[in-house]
Amino acid sequence: MSIYVKSNKMKRLTIQFFIIFSFVAHIYAQSDTIQKTQKIINEVVAKSYPELKSKNIEVQIFKSESDYFQSRFSFGKMLTLQKMRYIIFVNPKVFEKNAPESGIRSIIAHELAHVLYYSQRNRVELIGLARLSSKDFNQKFERGADLEAIARGYGEGLKDYRNWLYQNIPAKNLEEKKRNYFSPEEIDLMLEILQKKPETIEKWRKNVPRNKAEITP
């Protein structure tokens, strides 16, 4: 066998090794992300969402430039009338970019508010969530989940998350995030009001504030 042939064979083996190594490392990283997220979900459910203790909540990976967590229910389970399954999607970059732990825990509380919303509705009502394509409904839906997380003690953590988020998304997405979710300034105002008048949370649940001007006692 010539030196040239041996050299090419060695190159091919080296390339194959790095491909296999990269694949294994990728799978391990995804598994680690899922385990971390599932652990936090279990802790937040146990502490703050007793209504969800019996629910089947699965973690899956997704990729995005502007989103780090999402949640939805299983359409397949819903359409086939099987026991409902809920999915929280996590972008591994939230850990790679060192999002604050309090922020991760609080945005998971936000996603669990969505899961709670899904679990309290029948299948016909869930089909109606196609309205999420509407900007107005999407704003109310996301701010409503923020509000539920704040009501359960995650306001400070949501502030931490939003401050981190604003530095870790493309500039083109910043306005949309501030429209659809409470900003740190809005959360500060809400916490200040709730400290004096805790019952205000029920007023906001009925009419979710769309902007700072609507955050009143």
N, C-alpha and C. Protein backbone atom coordinates (compact mmCIF):
# COMPACT_ATOMS: atom_id res chain seq x y z
N MET A 1 0.86 -1.19 0.00
CA MET A 1 0.00 0.00 0.00
C MET A 1 0.89 1.24 0.00
N SER A 2 0.63 2.18 -0.88
CA SER A 2 1.47 3.36 -1.00
C SER A 2 1.25 4.30 0.18
N ILE A 3 2.20 5.18 0.39
CA ILE A 3 2.09 6.19 1.46
C ILE A 3 0.89 7.09 1.21
N TYR A 4 0.61 7.39 -0.09
CA TYR A 4 -0.52 8.24 -0.46
C TYR A 4 -1.84 7.61 -0.04
N VAL A 5 -1.99 6.31 -0.32
CA VAL A 5 -3.21 5.60 0.04
C VAL A 5 -3.37 5.54 1.55
N LYS A 6 -2.27 5.26 2.27
CA LYS A 6 -2.32 5.22 3.73
C LYS A 6 -2.73 6.57 4.30
N SER A 7 -2.20 7.63 3.70
CA SER A 7 -2.51 8.98 4.17
C SER A 7 -3.98 9.30 3.99
N ASN A 8 -4.54 8.93 2.82
CA ASN A 8 -5.96 9.19 2.58
C ASN A 8 -6.85 8.39 3.53
N LYS A 9 -6.45 7.14 3.78
CA LYS A 9 -7.22 6.29 4.69
C LYS A 9 -7.22 6.88 6.10
N MET A 10 -6.06 7.39 6.51
CA MET A 10 -5.95 8.00 7.82
C MET A 10 -6.81 9.26 7.92
N LYS A 11 -6.84 10.03 6.85
CA LYS A 11 -7.67 11.25 6.84
C LYS A 11 -9.14 10.89 6.98
N ARG A 12 -9.56 9.86 6.23
CA ARG A 12 -10.96 9.44 6.29
C ARG A 12 -11.32 8.96 7.70
N LEU A 13 -10.44 8.19 8.31
CA LEU A 13 -10.70 7.70 9.66
C LEU A 13 -10.77 8.85 10.66
N THR A 14 -9.88 9.83 10.49
CA THR A 14 -9.88 11.00 11.38
C THR A 14 -11.18 11.79 11.26
N ILE A 15 -11.61 11.99 10.00
CA ILE A 15 -12.86 12.72 9.76
C ILE A 15 -14.05 11.97 10.37
N GLN A 16 -14.06 10.64 10.14
CA GLN A 16 -15.16 9.82 10.69
C GLN A 16 -15.17 9.89 12.22
N PHE A 17 -13.99 9.88 12.82
CA PHE A 17 -13.90 9.96 14.28
C PHE A 17 -14.48 11.27 14.79
N PHE A 18 -14.11 12.38 14.15
CA PHE A 18 -14.60 13.69 14.61
C PHE A 18 -16.11 13.83 14.38
N ILE A 19 -16.61 13.24 13.30
CA ILE A 19 -18.06 13.27 13.06
C ILE A 19 -18.79 12.51 14.16
N ILE A 20 -18.30 11.33 14.49
CA ILE A 20 -18.92 10.52 15.55
C ILE A 20 -18.81 11.23 16.90
N PHE A 21 -17.62 11.79 17.17
CA PHE A 21 -17.39 12.48 18.44
C PHE A 21 -18.32 13.68 18.57
N SER A 22 -18.45 14.46 17.49
CA SER A 22 -19.32 15.64 17.51
C SER A 22 -20.77 15.25 17.72
N PHE A 23 -21.18 14.15 17.07
CA PHE A 23 -22.56 13.68 17.22
C PHE A 23 -22.84 13.26 18.66
N VAL A 24 -21.92 12.50 19.25
CA VAL A 24 -22.08 12.04 20.63
C VAL A 24 -22.11 13.24 21.59
N ALA A 25 -21.22 14.20 21.36
CA ALA A 25 -21.18 15.39 22.22
C ALA A 25 -22.48 16.18 22.11
N HIS A 26 -23.01 16.26 20.90
CA HIS A 26 -24.28 16.98 20.67
C HIS A 26 -25.43 16.29 21.41
N ILE A 27 -25.49 14.97 21.30
CA ILE A 27 -26.55 14.22 21.97
C ILE A 27 -26.43 14.37 23.49
N TYR A 28 -25.19 14.33 24.00
CA TYR A 28 -24.98 14.47 25.44
C TYR A 28 -25.42 15.86 25.91
N ALA A 29 -25.07 16.89 25.14
CA ALA A 29 -25.44 18.27 25.51
C ALA A 29 -26.96 18.43 25.54
N GLN A 30 -27.64 17.85 24.56
CA GLN A 30 -29.09 17.93 24.54
C GLN A 30 -29.70 17.20 25.73
N SER A 31 -29.16 16.03 26.03
CA SER A 31 -29.66 15.26 27.16
C SER A 31 -29.48 16.03 28.47
N ASP A 32 -28.33 16.68 28.60
CA ASP A 32 -28.03 17.46 29.80
C ASP A 32 -29.01 18.63 29.93
N THR A 33 -29.29 19.30 28.80
CA THR A 33 -30.24 20.42 28.80
C THR A 33 -31.63 19.95 29.22
N ILE A 34 -32.06 18.83 28.68
CA ILE A 34 -33.38 18.30 29.01
C ILE A 34 -33.46 17.93 30.49
N GLN A 35 -32.42 17.29 31.01
CA GLN A 35 -32.42 16.89 32.42
C GLN A 35 -32.46 18.11 33.34
N LYS A 36 -31.66 19.14 33.01
CA LYS A 36 -31.66 20.36 33.83
C LYS A 36 -33.03 21.01 33.84
N THR A 37 -33.63 21.10 32.65
CA THR A 37 -34.94 21.75 32.53
C THR A 37 -36.01 20.95 33.25
N GLN A 38 -36.00 19.63 33.08
CA GLN A 38 -37.00 18.79 33.74
C GLN A 38 -36.90 18.91 35.25
N LYS A 39 -35.68 19.00 35.76
CA LYS A 39 -35.47 19.13 37.21
C LYS A 39 -36.10 20.42 37.72
N ILE A 40 -35.89 21.52 37.00
CA ILE A 40 -36.45 22.81 37.42
C ILE A 40 -37.97 22.77 37.32
N ILE A 41 -38.49 22.19 36.24
CA ILE A 41 -39.94 22.06 36.09
C ILE A 41 -40.53 21.32 37.29
N ASN A 42 -39.93 20.20 37.65
CA ASN A 42 -40.44 19.40 38.77
C ASN A 42 -40.43 20.21 40.06
N GLU A 43 -39.38 20.99 40.26
CA GLU A 43 -39.27 21.79 41.49
C GLU A 43 -40.31 22.90 41.52
N VAL A 44 -40.50 23.59 40.38
CA VAL A 44 -41.46 24.68 40.33
C VAL A 44 -42.89 24.16 40.47
N VAL A 45 -43.17 23.03 39.85
CA VAL A 45 -44.50 22.42 39.99
C VAL A 45 -44.76 22.06 41.45
N ALA A 46 -43.78 21.42 42.09
CA ALA A 46 -43.94 21.00 43.48
C ALA A 46 -44.16 22.18 44.41
N LYS A 47 -43.48 23.28 44.14
CA LYS A 47 -43.55 24.46 45.02
C LYS A 47 -44.75 25.35 44.72
N SER A 48 -45.06 25.53 43.42
CA SER A 48 -45.96 26.61 43.04
C SER A 48 -47.16 26.23 42.18
N TYR A 49 -47.16 25.05 41.60
CA TYR A 49 -48.26 24.64 40.72
C TYR A 49 -48.80 23.28 41.12
N PRO A 50 -49.44 23.17 42.29
CA PRO A 50 -49.98 21.87 42.73
C PRO A 50 -51.01 21.31 41.75
N GLU A 51 -51.65 22.19 40.97
CA GLU A 51 -52.65 21.74 40.00
C GLU A 51 -52.05 20.88 38.89
N LEU A 52 -50.72 20.98 38.72
CA LEU A 52 -50.07 20.29 37.61
C LEU A 52 -49.32 19.02 38.02
N LYS A 53 -49.40 18.64 39.29
CA LYS A 53 -48.62 17.50 39.77
C LYS A 53 -48.93 16.21 39.04
N SER A 54 -50.15 16.05 38.58
CA SER A 54 -50.54 14.81 37.91
C SER A 54 -50.47 14.90 36.39
N LYS A 55 -50.01 16.04 35.88
CA LYS A 55 -49.98 16.24 34.43
C LYS A 55 -48.69 15.70 33.81
N ASN A 56 -48.80 15.23 32.59
CA ASN A 56 -47.67 14.69 31.85
C ASN A 56 -46.98 15.84 31.10
N ILE A 57 -45.85 16.30 31.63
CA ILE A 57 -45.13 17.42 31.03
C ILE A 57 -43.77 16.93 30.52
N GLU A 58 -43.57 17.04 29.23
CA GLU A 58 -42.36 16.55 28.58
C GLU A 58 -41.49 17.73 28.15
N VAL A 59 -40.18 17.51 28.11
CA VAL A 59 -39.23 18.54 27.67
C VAL A 59 -38.64 18.14 26.32
N GLN A 60 -38.61 19.08 25.40
CA GLN A 60 -37.98 18.86 24.10
C GLN A 60 -37.10 20.05 23.75
N ILE A 61 -36.16 19.80 22.84
CA ILE A 61 -35.22 20.82 22.39
C ILE A 61 -35.75 21.55 21.17
N PHE A 62 -35.48 22.86 21.08
CA PHE A 62 -35.74 23.58 19.83
C PHE A 62 -34.66 24.64 19.65
N LYS A 63 -34.59 25.18 18.45
CA LYS A 63 -33.59 26.21 18.12
C LYS A 63 -34.30 27.50 17.72
N SER A 64 -33.74 28.61 18.16
CA SER A 64 -34.32 29.91 17.81
C SER A 64 -33.30 31.00 18.12
N GLU A 65 -33.37 32.10 17.38
CA GLU A 65 -32.52 33.25 17.67
C GLU A 65 -33.12 34.14 18.74
N SER A 66 -34.44 34.11 18.87
CA SER A 66 -35.11 35.08 19.74
C SER A 66 -35.91 34.47 20.88
N ASP A 67 -36.11 33.15 20.87
CA ASP A 67 -36.89 32.49 21.92
C ASP A 67 -36.05 31.43 22.60
N TYR A 68 -36.26 31.30 23.92
CA TYR A 68 -35.50 30.32 24.68
C TYR A 68 -36.39 29.26 25.33
N PHE A 69 -37.67 29.57 25.47
CA PHE A 69 -38.63 28.61 25.98
C PHE A 69 -39.95 28.78 25.25
N GLN A 70 -40.64 27.67 25.03
CA GLN A 70 -42.00 27.68 24.47
C GLN A 70 -42.77 26.54 25.10
N SER A 71 -44.07 26.59 25.00
CA SER A 71 -44.87 25.48 25.51
C SER A 71 -46.09 25.28 24.63
N ARG A 72 -46.55 24.04 24.57
CA ARG A 72 -47.78 23.73 23.86
C ARG A 72 -48.26 22.36 24.32
N PHE A 73 -49.41 21.96 23.84
CA PHE A 73 -49.94 20.64 24.15
C PHE A 73 -49.75 19.75 22.92
N SER A 74 -49.85 18.45 23.12
CA SER A 74 -49.68 17.50 22.01
C SER A 74 -50.96 17.46 21.17
N PHE A 75 -50.87 17.89 19.93
CA PHE A 75 -52.03 17.87 19.04
C PHE A 75 -52.49 16.45 18.77
N GLY A 76 -51.52 15.53 18.66
CA GLY A 76 -51.86 14.13 18.39
C GLY A 76 -52.70 13.53 19.50
N LYS A 77 -52.30 13.78 20.76
CA LYS A 77 -53.05 13.26 21.90
C LYS A 77 -54.44 13.89 21.95
N MET A 78 -54.51 15.18 21.63
CA MET A 78 -55.80 15.87 21.68
C MET A 78 -56.75 15.32 20.63
N LEU A 79 -56.27 15.16 19.40
CA LEU A 79 -57.15 14.74 18.31
C LEU A 79 -57.58 13.29 18.42
N THR A 80 -56.76 12.46 19.08
CA THR A 80 -57.10 11.04 19.22
C THR A 80 -57.76 10.73 20.57
N LEU A 81 -58.10 11.81 21.30
CA LEU A 81 -58.83 11.70 22.57
C LEU A 81 -58.07 10.90 23.63
N GLN A 82 -56.74 10.90 23.53
CA GLN A 82 -55.92 10.24 24.55
C GLN A 82 -55.65 11.22 25.69
N LYS A 83 -55.05 10.72 26.77
CA LYS A 83 -54.68 11.59 27.89
C LYS A 83 -53.75 12.68 27.38
N MET A 84 -54.03 13.90 27.76
CA MET A 84 -53.28 15.04 27.25
C MET A 84 -51.82 15.01 27.72
N ARG A 85 -50.96 15.42 26.80
CA ARG A 85 -49.54 15.56 27.11
C ARG A 85 -49.13 16.98 26.78
N TYR A 86 -48.32 17.58 27.65
CA TYR A 86 -47.89 18.96 27.48
C TYR A 86 -46.38 19.00 27.27
N ILE A 87 -45.95 19.93 26.45
CA ILE A 87 -44.53 19.97 26.07
C ILE A 87 -43.97 21.36 26.36
N ILE A 88 -42.85 21.39 27.06
CA ILE A 88 -42.09 22.63 27.23
C ILE A 88 -40.81 22.49 26.41
N PHE A 89 -40.64 23.39 25.47
CA PHE A 89 -39.46 23.39 24.60
C PHE A 89 -38.39 24.30 25.20
N VAL A 90 -37.15 23.85 25.15
CA VAL A 90 -36.04 24.64 25.68
C VAL A 90 -34.95 24.78 24.62
N ASN A 91 -34.45 25.99 24.51
CA ASN A 91 -33.32 26.28 23.62
C ASN A 91 -32.05 26.14 24.45
N PRO A 92 -31.15 25.19 24.09
CA PRO A 92 -29.94 24.96 24.90
C PRO A 92 -29.10 26.21 25.12
N LYS A 93 -29.25 27.20 24.25
CA LYS A 93 -28.45 28.43 24.38
C LYS A 93 -28.75 29.19 25.67
N VAL A 94 -29.93 28.91 26.27
CA VAL A 94 -30.25 29.62 27.52
C VAL A 94 -29.26 29.24 28.61
N PHE A 95 -28.74 28.03 28.56
CA PHE A 95 -27.71 27.62 29.52
C PHE A 95 -26.32 28.00 29.02
N GLU A 96 -26.10 27.89 27.72
CA GLU A 96 -24.79 28.23 27.15
C GLU A 96 -24.47 29.70 27.34
N LYS A 97 -25.51 30.54 27.31
CA LYS A 97 -25.32 31.99 27.46
C LYS A 97 -25.50 32.46 28.90
N ASN A 98 -25.53 31.51 29.81
CA ASN A 98 -25.54 31.80 31.24
C ASN A 98 -26.68 32.71 31.69
N ALA A 99 -27.88 32.37 31.29
CA ALA A 99 -29.04 33.09 31.82
C ALA A 99 -29.09 32.89 33.33
N PRO A 100 -29.50 33.91 34.07
CA PRO A 100 -29.53 33.79 35.53
C PRO A 100 -30.46 32.66 35.99
N GLU A 101 -30.04 31.94 37.01
CA GLU A 101 -30.83 30.80 37.49
C GLU A 101 -32.23 31.24 37.91
N SER A 102 -32.30 32.38 38.61
CA SER A 102 -33.62 32.88 39.04
C SER A 102 -34.50 33.20 37.83
N GLY A 103 -33.86 33.67 36.76
CA GLY A 103 -34.60 33.99 35.54
C GLY A 103 -35.11 32.74 34.85
N ILE A 104 -34.29 31.70 34.77
CA ILE A 104 -34.71 30.44 34.15
C ILE A 104 -35.87 29.84 34.93
N ARG A 105 -35.75 29.83 36.24
CA ARG A 105 -36.81 29.28 37.09
C ARG A 105 -38.12 30.05 36.89
N SER A 106 -38.01 31.36 36.74
CA SER A 106 -39.20 32.20 36.62
C SER A 106 -39.83 32.12 35.24
N ILE A 107 -39.02 32.00 34.19
CA ILE A 107 -39.62 31.86 32.86
C ILE A 107 -40.23 30.47 32.71
N ILE A 108 -39.71 29.49 33.41
CA ILE A 108 -40.37 28.18 33.43
C ILE A 108 -41.71 28.29 34.17
N ALA A 109 -41.77 29.11 35.21
CA ALA A 109 -43.05 29.36 35.89
C ALA A 109 -44.04 30.00 34.92
N HIS A 110 -43.54 30.86 34.03
CA HIS A 110 -44.36 31.46 32.98
C HIS A 110 -44.88 30.38 32.03
N GLU A 111 -44.00 29.47 31.60
CA GLU A 111 -44.44 28.41 30.68
C GLU A 111 -45.42 27.46 31.37
N LEU A 112 -45.23 27.22 32.64
CA LEU A 112 -46.17 26.37 33.37
C LEU A 112 -47.53 27.04 33.51
N ALA A 113 -47.55 28.37 33.51
CA ALA A 113 -48.84 29.07 33.51
C ALA A 113 -49.59 28.77 32.22
N HIS A 114 -48.86 28.65 31.11
CA HIS A 114 -49.49 28.25 29.84
C HIS A 114 -50.03 26.82 29.95
N VAL A 115 -49.22 25.93 30.53
CA VAL A 115 -49.64 24.53 30.68
C VAL A 115 -50.91 24.48 31.54
N LEU A 116 -50.95 25.27 32.60
CA LEU A 116 -52.13 25.32 33.45
C LEU A 116 -53.35 25.78 32.65
N TYR A 117 -53.15 26.79 31.83
CA TYR A 117 -54.22 27.32 30.97
C TYR A 117 -54.74 26.22 30.05
N TYR A 118 -53.83 25.50 29.41
CA TYR A 118 -54.24 24.41 28.51
C TYR A 118 -55.02 23.34 29.27
N SER A 119 -54.51 22.99 30.45
CA SER A 119 -55.10 21.88 31.21
C SER A 119 -56.50 22.20 31.73
N GLN A 120 -56.83 23.47 31.82
CA GLN A 120 -58.14 23.87 32.34
C GLN A 120 -59.19 24.06 31.25
N ARG A 121 -58.82 23.74 30.00
CA ARG A 121 -59.74 23.91 28.89
C ARG A 121 -60.01 22.58 28.20
N ASN A 122 -61.22 22.49 27.63
CA ASN A 122 -61.56 21.26 26.92
C ASN A 122 -60.96 21.29 25.52
N ARG A 123 -61.09 20.21 24.80
CA ARG A 123 -60.44 20.08 23.50
C ARG A 123 -60.97 21.06 22.46
N VAL A 124 -62.24 21.36 22.53
CA VAL A 124 -62.82 22.33 21.59
C VAL A 124 -62.22 23.71 21.84
N GLU A 125 -62.09 24.06 23.11
CA GLU A 125 -61.50 25.36 23.46
C GLU A 125 -60.04 25.43 23.03
N LEU A 126 -59.32 24.32 23.13
CA LEU A 126 -57.92 24.31 22.73
C LEU A 126 -57.77 24.52 21.23
N ILE A 127 -58.69 23.97 20.46
CA ILE A 127 -58.65 24.20 19.01
C ILE A 127 -58.79 25.70 18.72
N GLY A 128 -59.56 26.38 19.57
CA GLY A 128 -59.76 27.82 19.39
C GLY A 128 -58.51 28.64 19.60
N LEU A 129 -57.44 28.01 20.11
CA LEU A 129 -56.20 28.75 20.32
C LEU A 129 -55.52 29.13 19.02
N ALA A 130 -56.13 28.78 17.91
CA ALA A 130 -55.62 29.26 16.62
C ALA A 130 -55.60 30.78 16.60
N ARG A 131 -56.36 31.39 17.53
CA ARG A 131 -56.37 32.85 17.63
C ARG A 131 -55.01 33.41 17.99
N LEU A 132 -54.07 32.56 18.41
CA LEU A 132 -52.75 33.05 18.77
C LEU A 132 -52.06 33.75 17.62
N SER A 133 -52.59 33.57 16.42
CA SER A 133 -52.03 34.29 15.28
C SER A 133 -52.37 35.77 15.35
N SER A 134 -53.33 36.14 16.21
CA SER A 134 -53.71 37.53 16.41
C SER A 134 -52.74 38.21 17.37
N LYS A 135 -52.23 39.37 17.00
CA LYS A 135 -51.29 40.08 17.86
C LYS A 135 -51.91 40.43 19.20
N ASP A 136 -53.16 40.88 19.19
CA ASP A 136 -53.82 41.28 20.43
C ASP A 136 -54.00 40.10 21.38
N PHE A 137 -54.45 38.96 20.83
CA PHE A 137 -54.64 37.79 21.68
C PHE A 137 -53.30 37.27 22.18
N ASN A 138 -52.29 37.29 21.33
CA ASN A 138 -50.97 36.80 21.73
C ASN A 138 -50.41 37.65 22.87
N GLN A 139 -50.61 38.96 22.80
CA GLN A 139 -50.15 39.84 23.87
C GLN A 139 -50.86 39.50 25.18
N LYS A 140 -52.19 39.34 25.12
CA LYS A 140 -52.95 39.01 26.32
C LYS A 140 -52.54 37.64 26.86
N PHE A 141 -52.31 36.69 25.97
CA PHE A 141 -51.94 35.33 26.35
C PHE A 141 -50.60 35.30 27.08
N GLU A 142 -49.60 36.01 26.52
CA GLU A 142 -48.26 35.99 27.11
C GLU A 142 -48.20 36.83 28.39
N ARG A 143 -48.83 37.99 28.40
CA ARG A 143 -48.84 38.81 29.61
C ARG A 143 -49.65 38.13 30.71
N GLY A 144 -50.68 37.39 30.31
CA GLY A 144 -51.45 36.64 31.29
C GLY A 144 -50.61 35.58 31.97
N ALA A 145 -49.73 34.92 31.21
CA ALA A 145 -48.83 33.92 31.80
C ALA A 145 -47.81 34.59 32.71
N ASP A 146 -47.31 35.76 32.29
CA ASP A 146 -46.43 36.54 33.17
C ASP A 146 -47.13 36.84 34.49
N LEU A 147 -48.37 37.29 34.38
CA LEU A 147 -49.15 37.67 35.55
C LEU A 147 -49.32 36.51 36.51
N GLU A 148 -49.58 35.32 35.96
CA GLU A 148 -49.74 34.13 36.81
C GLU A 148 -48.43 33.80 37.52
N ALA A 149 -47.32 33.93 36.81
CA ALA A 149 -46.02 33.68 37.44
C ALA A 149 -45.74 34.70 38.53
N ILE A 150 -46.08 35.96 38.28
CA ILE A 150 -45.90 37.01 39.29
C ILE A 150 -46.77 36.73 40.51
N ALA A 151 -48.01 36.32 40.28
CA ALA A 151 -48.92 36.02 41.39
C ALA A 151 -48.40 34.89 42.26
N ARG A 152 -47.57 34.02 41.68
CA ARG A 152 -47.05 32.86 42.42
C ARG A 152 -45.63 33.09 42.93
N GLY A 153 -45.19 34.37 42.88
CA GLY A 153 -43.92 34.73 43.53
C GLY A 153 -42.70 34.82 42.64
N TYR A 154 -42.88 34.90 41.33
CA TYR A 154 -41.73 34.89 40.42
C TYR A 154 -41.46 36.23 39.73
N GLY A 155 -41.97 37.32 40.31
CA GLY A 155 -41.79 38.63 39.69
C GLY A 155 -40.35 39.07 39.59
N GLU A 156 -39.60 38.94 40.67
CA GLU A 156 -38.19 39.37 40.65
C GLU A 156 -37.38 38.55 39.65
N GLY A 157 -37.66 37.25 39.61
CA GLY A 157 -36.95 36.40 38.66
C GLY A 157 -37.28 36.73 37.22
N LEU A 158 -38.55 37.10 36.96
CA LEU A 158 -38.92 37.50 35.60
C LEU A 158 -38.18 38.76 35.19
N LYS A 159 -37.99 39.67 36.12
CA LYS A 159 -37.19 40.87 35.83
C LYS A 159 -35.77 40.48 35.44
N ASP A 160 -35.18 39.56 36.21
CA ASP A 160 -33.83 39.10 35.89
C ASP A 160 -33.77 38.49 34.50
N TYR A 161 -34.79 37.70 34.17
CA TYR A 161 -34.81 37.04 32.87
C TYR A 161 -34.94 38.06 31.74
N ARG A 162 -35.86 39.01 31.89
CA ARG A 162 -36.06 39.99 30.82
C ARG A 162 -34.81 40.85 30.61
N ASN A 163 -34.16 41.25 31.69
CA ASN A 163 -32.94 42.05 31.54
C ASN A 163 -31.88 41.26 30.78
N TRP A 164 -31.77 39.96 31.08
CA TRP A 164 -30.84 39.10 30.34
C TRP A 164 -31.30 38.93 28.90
N LEU A 165 -32.59 38.68 28.72
CA LEU A 165 -33.14 38.42 27.38
C LEU A 165 -32.88 39.58 26.43
N TYR A 166 -33.09 40.80 26.90
CA TYR A 166 -32.93 41.97 26.03
C TYR A 166 -31.51 42.08 25.47
N GLN A 167 -30.56 41.47 26.18
CA GLN A 167 -29.17 41.50 25.73
C GLN A 167 -28.81 40.28 24.87
N ASN A 168 -29.75 39.37 24.72
CA ASN A 168 -29.43 38.11 24.04
C ASN A 168 -30.43 37.72 22.96
N ILE A 169 -31.04 38.73 22.36
CA ILE A 169 -31.89 38.51 21.18
C ILE A 169 -31.53 39.55 20.13
N PRO A 170 -31.84 39.29 18.87
CA PRO A 170 -31.58 40.29 17.82
C PRO A 170 -32.38 41.57 18.10
N ALA A 171 -31.81 42.71 17.76
CA ALA A 171 -32.45 44.00 18.01
C ALA A 171 -33.83 44.08 17.36
N LYS A 172 -34.01 43.41 16.24
CA LYS A 172 -35.28 43.47 15.51
C LYS A 172 -36.43 42.84 16.30
N ASN A 173 -36.12 41.99 17.29
CA ASN A 173 -37.16 41.31 18.07
C ASN A 173 -37.48 42.01 19.39
N LEU A 174 -36.72 43.03 19.73
CA LEU A 174 -36.85 43.66 21.03
C LEU A 174 -38.21 44.32 21.24
N GLU A 175 -38.68 45.06 20.25
CA GLU A 175 -39.96 45.75 20.37
C GLU A 175 -41.11 44.76 20.60
N GLU A 176 -41.08 43.65 19.85
CA GLU A 176 -42.12 42.63 20.00
C GLU A 176 -42.12 42.04 21.41
N LYS A 177 -40.93 41.78 21.96
CA LYS A 177 -40.84 41.22 23.30
C LYS A 177 -41.42 42.18 24.33
N LYS A 178 -41.12 43.46 24.17
CA LYS A 178 -41.61 44.45 25.13
C LYS A 178 -43.12 44.66 24.99
N ARG A 179 -43.65 44.42 23.81
CA ARG A 179 -45.09 44.55 23.62
C ARG A 179 -45.83 43.35 24.22
N ASN A 180 -45.32 42.16 24.02
CA ASN A 180 -46.05 40.95 24.40
C ASN A 180 -45.83 40.50 25.84
N TYR A 181 -44.76 40.99 26.47
CA TYR A 181 -44.45 40.56 27.83
C TYR A 181 -44.21 41.78 28.71
N PHE A 182 -44.37 41.62 30.02
CA PHE A 182 -44.10 42.73 30.93
C PHE A 182 -42.60 43.02 30.98
N SER A 183 -42.26 44.29 30.91
CA SER A 183 -40.87 44.72 31.01
C SER A 183 -40.47 44.78 32.48
N PRO A 184 -39.16 44.85 32.78
CA PRO A 184 -38.73 44.99 34.18
C PRO A 184 -39.37 46.19 34.87
N GLU A 185 -39.52 47.30 34.15
CA GLU A 185 -40.12 48.49 34.74
C GLU A 185 -41.59 48.25 35.09
N GLU A 186 -42.30 47.58 34.20
CA GLU A 186 -43.70 47.26 34.47
C GLU A 186 -43.84 46.30 35.64
N ILE A 187 -42.96 45.33 35.71
CA ILE A 187 -42.99 44.37 36.82
C ILE A 187 -42.71 45.08 38.14
N ASP A 188 -41.75 46.00 38.14
CA ASP A 188 -41.46 46.78 39.35
C ASP A 188 -42.71 47.49 39.85
N LEU A 189 -43.42 48.13 38.93
CA LEU A 189 -44.63 48.86 39.29
C LEU A 189 -45.69 47.90 39.85
N MET A 190 -45.84 46.75 39.21
CA MET A 190 -46.82 45.77 39.66
C MET A 190 -46.49 45.26 41.06
N LEU A 191 -45.22 44.98 41.32
CA LEU A 191 -44.82 44.48 42.63
C LEU A 191 -45.03 45.54 43.71
N GLU A 192 -44.79 46.78 43.34
CA GLU A 192 -45.00 47.87 44.29
C GLU A 192 -46.48 47.98 44.66
N ILE A 193 -47.35 47.88 43.66
CA ILE A 193 -48.79 47.96 43.91
C ILE A 193 -49.27 46.75 44.71
N LEU A 194 -48.78 45.56 44.34
CA LEU A 194 -49.22 44.34 45.02
C LEU A 194 -48.78 44.28 46.48
N GLN A 195 -47.67 44.93 46.78
CA GLN A 195 -47.21 44.96 48.16
C GLN A 195 -48.21 45.72 49.04
N LYS A 196 -48.82 46.75 48.47
CA LYS A 196 -49.78 47.56 49.22
C LYS A 196 -51.20 47.02 49.09
N LYS A 197 -51.53 46.51 47.91
CA LYS A 197 -52.89 46.02 47.65
C LYS A 197 -52.84 44.68 46.93
N PRO A 198 -52.59 43.59 47.65
CA PRO A 198 -52.45 42.27 47.02
C PRO A 198 -53.67 41.84 46.20
N GLU A 199 -54.84 42.34 46.58
CA GLU A 199 -56.06 41.96 45.88
C GLU A 199 -56.11 42.47 44.45
N THR A 200 -55.21 43.39 44.10
CA THR A 200 -55.19 43.94 42.74
C THR A 200 -54.92 42.86 41.70
N ILE A 201 -54.28 41.78 42.11
CA ILE A 201 -53.95 40.71 41.16
C ILE A 201 -55.21 40.16 40.50
N GLU A 202 -56.32 40.11 41.25
CA GLU A 202 -57.57 39.59 40.69
C GLU A 202 -58.13 40.54 39.63
N LYS A 203 -57.99 41.82 39.86
CA LYS A 203 -58.41 42.82 38.87
C LYS A 203 -57.61 42.64 37.58
N TRP A 204 -56.31 42.44 37.72
CA TRP A 204 -55.46 42.29 36.53
C TRP A 204 -55.72 40.96 35.82
N ARG A 205 -56.09 39.93 36.57
CA ARG A 205 -56.40 38.66 35.93
C ARG A 205 -57.62 38.80 35.01
N LYS A 206 -58.56 39.63 35.42
CA LYS A 206 -59.76 39.84 34.61
C LYS A 206 -59.47 40.73 33.40
N ASN A 207 -58.59 41.69 33.59
CA ASN A 207 -58.22 42.62 32.51
C ASN A 207 -56.70 42.78 32.53
N VAL A 208 -56.03 41.94 31.77
CA VAL A 208 -54.56 41.93 31.79
C VAL A 208 -54.02 43.25 31.24
N PRO A 209 -53.19 43.96 32.01
CA PRO A 209 -52.64 45.24 31.53
C PRO A 209 -51.83 45.07 30.25
N ARG A 210 -52.10 45.93 29.27
CA ARG A 210 -51.40 45.86 27.99
C ARG A 210 -50.19 46.77 27.94
N ASN A 211 -50.10 47.68 28.89
CA ASN A 211 -48.98 48.63 28.93
C ASN A 211 -48.87 49.21 30.34
N LYS A 212 -47.87 50.03 30.55
CA LYS A 212 -47.62 50.58 31.88
C LYS A 212 -48.76 51.45 32.38
N ALA A 213 -49.40 52.16 31.44
CA ALA A 213 -50.50 53.06 31.82
C ALA A 213 -51.67 52.30 32.42
N GLU A 214 -51.83 51.03 32.06
CA GLU A 214 -52.95 50.23 32.55
C GLU A 214 -52.64 49.50 33.84
N ILE A 215 -51.41 49.65 34.34
CA ILE A 215 -51.03 49.00 35.60
C ILE A 215 -51.40 49.94 36.74
N THR A 216 -52.63 49.85 37.18
CA THR A 216 -53.14 50.71 38.25
C THR A 216 -53.77 49.86 39.34
N PRO A 217 -53.85 50.40 40.58
CA PRO A 217 -54.45 49.64 41.69
C PRO A 217 -55.93 49.35 41.44
